[in-house]
Amino acid sequence: MATFTYEFEELPLVIANGIPAGQINGCAELTFDRNGNWQVQSVCVEGYQTLTQAERSAGKKPWIYVAAPTEIAGIVEERLSNEWNFRVQDAIREAIEAEREAAAEYRADMRREDRMGAF
């Protein structure tokens, strides 16, 4: 199985009467197979760290990902599997296609090198 990091923005933790609330940003580490079946391995949410002026000047960013508590990770996984499933499926399809293209290019490079005796 391959791995993929799916980044999400404004994912609602709550949907009440069709109204999304408690929106968060973060990422989910997914594993997937060639058929597009996927599973969440871990969830991180976006956090903010206070930086000194020296850290900012050095290019350090205040926004970081932190591991989500089990309860929040469960909600995120549920959202990704249900309301956001089509978004995750699209991202997985793109990742599978990119892997296929990379594999085809690799095979073509190997054939070229073999023909030229570079092996």
Protein backbone atom coordinates (compact mmCIF):
# COMPACT_ATOMS: atom_id res chain seq x y z
CA MET A 1 0.00 0.00 0.00
CA ALA A 2 1.13 3.51 -0.77
CA THR A 3 0.88 6.50 1.57
CA PHE A 4 -0.51 9.93 0.88
CA THR A 5 -0.91 13.09 2.97
CA TYR A 6 -4.31 14.69 2.44
CA GLU A 7 -4.44 18.31 3.58
CA PHE A 8 -7.82 19.76 4.50
CA GLU A 9 -9.02 23.29 5.17
CA GLU A 10 -12.16 24.37 7.00
CA LEU A 11 -13.27 20.82 7.76
CA PRO A 12 -16.29 21.11 10.07
CA LEU A 13 -16.13 19.23 13.36
CA VAL A 14 -19.87 19.72 13.74
CA ILE A 15 -22.69 19.86 11.21
CA ALA A 16 -25.92 20.95 12.93
CA ASN A 17 -29.08 21.33 10.86
CA GLY A 18 -26.90 21.49 7.75
CA ILE A 19 -24.74 24.25 9.22
CA PRO A 20 -20.99 23.51 9.38
CA ALA A 21 -19.29 24.67 12.59
CA GLY A 22 -15.98 24.29 14.39
CA GLN A 23 -13.99 24.36 11.16
CA ILE A 24 -10.35 23.26 11.37
CA ASN A 25 -7.35 22.87 9.11
CA GLY A 26 -4.96 19.94 9.14
CA CYS A 27 -3.85 16.81 7.35
CA ALA A 28 -4.50 13.09 7.39
CA GLU A 29 -1.92 10.44 6.57
CA LEU A 30 -3.68 7.88 4.37
CA THR A 31 -2.72 4.49 2.98
CA PHE A 32 -4.28 3.42 -0.30
CA ASP A 33 -4.14 0.63 -2.84
CA ARG A 34 -4.24 0.68 -6.66
CA ASN A 35 -8.02 0.24 -6.62
CA GLY A 36 -8.49 3.49 -4.72
CA ASN A 37 -9.38 1.91 -1.37
CA TRP A 38 -7.99 4.05 1.43
CA GLN A 39 -7.68 4.19 5.19
CA VAL A 40 -6.73 6.95 7.62
CA GLN A 41 -3.55 6.22 9.56
CA SER A 42 -3.19 9.45 11.52
CA VAL A 43 -4.62 12.96 11.77
CA CYS A 44 -2.88 16.24 12.58
CA VAL A 45 -4.50 19.62 13.09
CA GLU A 46 -3.08 23.06 12.54
CA GLY A 47 -1.65 24.82 15.57
CA TYR A 48 -0.04 28.17 16.21
CA GLN A 49 3.22 28.66 18.08
CA THR A 50 4.45 31.99 19.40
CA LEU A 51 7.81 32.90 17.89
CA THR A 52 10.47 35.39 18.83
CA GLN A 53 11.43 38.05 16.33
CA ALA A 54 14.72 36.19 15.75
CA GLU A 55 12.84 32.97 14.91
CA ARG A 56 10.56 34.84 12.51
CA SER A 57 13.56 36.53 10.87
CA ALA A 58 15.19 33.11 10.46
CA GLY A 59 12.13 32.01 8.46
CA LYS A 60 10.44 29.82 11.05
CA LYS A 61 6.67 29.64 10.53
CA PRO A 62 4.21 30.01 13.40
CA TRP A 63 1.69 27.54 11.90
CA ILE A 64 2.52 23.90 12.58
CA TYR A 65 0.71 20.56 12.53
CA VAL A 66 0.20 18.77 15.85
CA ALA A 67 -1.19 15.28 16.44
CA ALA A 68 -4.95 15.41 16.90
CA PRO A 69 -6.43 14.01 20.11
CA THR A 70 -8.23 10.69 19.59
CA GLU A 71 -11.69 12.28 19.79
CA ILE A 72 -10.95 14.91 17.15
CA ALA A 73 -9.12 12.41 14.93
CA GLY A 74 -12.24 10.23 15.02
CA ILE A 75 -14.46 13.12 13.94
CA VAL A 76 -12.06 14.06 11.13
CA GLU A 77 -11.88 10.45 9.95
CA GLU A 78 -15.69 10.26 9.94
CA ARG A 79 -15.96 13.49 7.91
CA LEU A 80 -13.34 12.32 5.40
CA SER A 81 -15.12 8.98 5.02
CA ASN A 82 -18.57 10.52 4.58
CA GLU A 83 -19.22 14.18 3.71
CA TRP A 84 -15.73 14.74 2.27
CA ASN A 85 -15.31 11.31 0.69
CA PHE A 86 -15.53 12.66 -2.87
CA ARG A 87 -12.69 15.11 -2.14
CA VAL A 88 -10.47 12.38 -0.72
CA GLN A 89 -11.34 10.04 -3.62
CA ASP A 90 -10.34 12.73 -6.13
CA ALA A 91 -7.01 13.28 -4.36
CA ILE A 92 -6.35 9.52 -4.21
CA ARG A 93 -7.17 9.17 -7.92
CA GLU A 94 -4.66 11.92 -8.72
CA ALA A 95 -2.02 10.24 -6.54
CA ILE A 96 -2.59 6.87 -8.25
CA GLU A 97 -2.34 8.50 -11.68
CA ALA A 98 0.87 10.30 -10.68
CA GLU A 99 2.35 7.00 -9.46
CA ARG A 100 1.40 5.29 -12.74
CA GLU A 101 2.96 8.08 -14.79
CA ALA A 102 6.14 7.96 -12.71
CA ALA A 103 6.34 4.18 -13.12
CA ALA A 104 5.84 4.46 -16.89
CA GLU A 105 8.57 7.12 -17.12
CA TYR A 106 10.90 4.95 -15.04
CA ARG A 107 10.29 1.94 -17.31
CA ALA A 108 10.89 4.08 -20.41
CA ASP A 109 14.15 5.40 -18.92
CA MET A 110 15.29 1.87 -18.12
CA ARG A 111 14.55 0.72 -21.69
CA ARG A 112 16.49 3.69 -23.11
CA GLU A 113 19.45 3.02 -20.84
CA ASP A 114 19.35 -0.67 -21.72
CA ARG A 115 19.36 0.10 -25.46
CA MET A 116 22.26 2.52 -25.04
CA GLY A 117 24.25 0.07 -22.94
CA ALA A 118 24.32 2.40 -19.95
CA PHE A 119 23.52 -0.42 -17.60
